[in-house]
Amino acid sequence: MTAYRLARLDLMLRAIDLRQNGATYREIATALGRDDAARLSASDWKMSASRSFVVRLVRDGIAMMNGDYRKLLRIR
C-alpha cells in the first residue's frame, strides 16, 4: 500500500471516529488540520474544498465499515 493510501486511511479513521462521537464536519476539518474551516463563514464553508474533503472521508469511512474494507485485502 502506498504512503498516500495509508495517510488517507488514517484520516478516514480519525474522521469517522469524530463523526460517530458527534462532531460536525467543520469540527472534523479543524481537528484534521484544515485551519481554514474555523474562519470561513457559513456560506463559504458550504462551498469549501475542506468541507468536500471531510464529507468524502466520512462517506468513504462509512463504506469501509460496511464491508469495503475487504478491498484492502485484494492482491494487485
C-alpha atoms as a PDB file:
ATOM      1  CA  MET A   1       0.000   0.000   0.000  1.00  0.00           C
ATOM      2  CA  THR A   2       1.315   3.438  -0.886  1.00  0.00           C
ATOM      3  CA  ALA A   3       2.146   6.111   1.665  1.00  0.00           C
ATOM      4  CA  TYR A   4      -0.686   8.233   0.257  1.00  0.00           C
ATOM      5  CA  ARG A   5      -3.265   5.468   0.795  1.00  0.00           C
ATOM      6  CA  LEU A   6      -2.014   4.834   4.314  1.00  0.00           C
ATOM      7  CA  ALA A   7      -2.273   8.532   5.150  1.00  0.00           C
ATOM      8  CA  ARG A   8      -5.785   8.694   3.682  1.00  0.00           C
ATOM      9  CA  LEU A   9      -6.873   5.636   5.672  1.00  0.00           C
ATOM     10  CA  ASP A  10      -5.546   7.283   8.820  1.00  0.00           C
ATOM     11  CA  LEU A  11      -7.512  10.456   8.095  1.00  0.00           C
ATOM     12  CA  MET A  12     -10.583   8.393   7.244  1.00  0.00           C
ATOM     13  CA  LEU A  13     -10.455   6.515  10.546  1.00  0.00           C
ATOM     14  CA  ARG A  14      -9.979   9.723  12.512  1.00  0.00           C
ATOM     15  CA  ALA A  15     -12.833  11.417  10.647  1.00  0.00           C
ATOM     16  CA  ILE A  16     -15.302   8.574  11.139  1.00  0.00           C
ATOM     17  CA  ASP A  17     -14.362   8.300  14.822  1.00  0.00           C
ATOM     18  CA  LEU A  18     -15.008  12.007  15.347  1.00  0.00           C
ATOM     19  CA  ARG A  19     -18.275  11.844  13.393  1.00  0.00           C
ATOM     20  CA  GLN A  20     -19.551   8.910  15.438  1.00  0.00           C
ATOM     21  CA  ASN A  21     -18.787  10.896  18.579  1.00  0.00           C
ATOM     22  CA  GLY A  22     -21.000  13.748  17.393  1.00  0.00           C
ATOM     23  CA  ALA A  23     -18.540  16.123  15.743  1.00  0.00           C
ATOM     24  CA  THR A  24     -19.738  18.320  12.901  1.00  0.00           C
ATOM     25  CA  TYR A  25     -17.977  18.308   9.548  1.00  0.00           C
ATOM     26  CA  ARG A  26     -16.452  21.676  10.410  1.00  0.00           C
ATOM     27  CA  GLU A  27     -15.130  20.356  13.735  1.00  0.00           C
ATOM     28  CA  ILE A  28     -13.688  17.325  11.956  1.00  0.00           C
ATOM     29  CA  ALA A  29     -11.976  19.534   9.391  1.00  0.00           C
ATOM     30  CA  THR A  30     -10.413  21.626  12.144  1.00  0.00           C
ATOM     31  CA  ALA A  31      -9.271  18.522  14.050  1.00  0.00           C
ATOM     32  CA  LEU A  32      -7.662  17.147  10.887  1.00  0.00           C
ATOM     33  CA  GLY A  33      -5.652  20.321  10.351  1.00  0.00           C
ATOM     34  CA  ARG A  34      -7.821  22.206   7.886  1.00  0.00           C
ATOM     35  CA  ASP A  35      -7.250  25.594   9.503  1.00  0.00           C
ATOM     36  CA  ASP A  36      -9.464  27.492   7.070  1.00  0.00           C
ATOM     37  CA  ALA A  37     -12.549  25.619   8.330  1.00  0.00           C
ATOM     38  CA  ALA A  38     -12.781  27.570  11.581  1.00  0.00           C
ATOM     39  CA  ARG A  39     -12.713  31.002   9.986  1.00  0.00           C
ATOM     40  CA  LEU A  40     -14.999  30.539   6.982  1.00  0.00           C
ATOM     41  CA  SER A  41     -18.496  31.985   7.004  1.00  0.00           C
ATOM     42  CA  ALA A  42     -21.377  29.518   6.797  1.00  0.00           C
ATOM     43  CA  SER A  43     -21.947  30.189   3.097  1.00  0.00           C
ATOM     44  CA  ASP A  44     -18.235  29.910   2.261  1.00  0.00           C
ATOM     45  CA  TRP A  45     -17.972  26.714   4.320  1.00  0.00           C
ATOM     46  CA  LYS A  46     -20.765  25.083   2.294  1.00  0.00           C
ATOM     47  CA  MET A  47     -18.734  25.532  -0.900  1.00  0.00           C
ATOM     48  CA  SER A  48     -15.238  24.950   0.515  1.00  0.00           C
ATOM     49  CA  ALA A  49     -12.778  22.285  -0.541  1.00  0.00           C
ATOM     50  CA  SER A  50     -12.196  21.442   3.128  1.00  0.00           C
ATOM     51  CA  ARG A  51     -15.850  20.564   3.626  1.00  0.00           C
ATOM     52  CA  SER A  52     -15.892  18.419   0.487  1.00  0.00           C
ATOM     53  CA  PHE A  53     -12.729  16.658   1.631  1.00  0.00           C
ATOM     54  CA  VAL A  54     -14.182  15.839   5.057  1.00  0.00           C
ATOM     55  CA  VAL A  55     -17.536  14.710   3.650  1.00  0.00           C
ATOM     56  CA  ARG A  56     -15.689  12.319   1.316  1.00  0.00           C
ATOM     57  CA  LEU A  57     -13.553  10.994   4.177  1.00  0.00           C
ATOM     58  CA  VAL A  58     -16.620  10.293   6.314  1.00  0.00           C
ATOM     59  CA  ARG A  59     -18.532   8.777   3.387  1.00  0.00           C
ATOM     60  CA  ASP A  60     -15.626   6.516   2.487  1.00  0.00           C
ATOM     61  CA  GLY A  61     -15.093   5.610   6.143  1.00  0.00           C
ATOM     62  CA  ILE A  62     -18.710   4.504   6.470  1.00  0.00           C
ATOM     63  CA  ALA A  63     -18.334   2.445   3.300  1.00  0.00           C
ATOM     64  CA  MET A  64     -15.237   0.787   4.796  1.00  0.00           C
ATOM     65  CA  MET A  65     -17.185  -0.066   7.941  1.00  0.00           C
ATOM     66  CA  ASN A  66     -19.964  -1.553   5.832  1.00  0.00           C
ATOM     67  CA  GLY A  67     -17.713  -4.024   4.054  1.00  0.00           C
ATOM     68  CA  ASP A  68     -15.449  -2.117   1.690  1.00  0.00           C
ATOM     69  CA  TYR A  69     -12.523  -2.908   4.000  1.00  0.00           C
ATOM     70  CA  ARG A  70     -12.347  -6.183   2.090  1.00  0.00           C
ATOM     71  CA  LYS A  71     -10.905  -4.228  -0.842  1.00  0.00           C
ATOM     72  CA  LEU A  72      -7.777  -3.724   1.266  1.00  0.00           C
ATOM     73  CA  LEU A  73      -7.199  -7.476   1.189  1.00  0.00           C
ATOM     74  CA  ARG A  74      -7.095  -7.739  -2.594  1.00  0.00           C
ATOM     75  CA  ILE A  75      -3.749  -8.659  -4.039  1.00  0.00           C
ATOM     76  CA  ARG A  76      -2.846  -6.499  -7.007  1.00  0.00           C
END
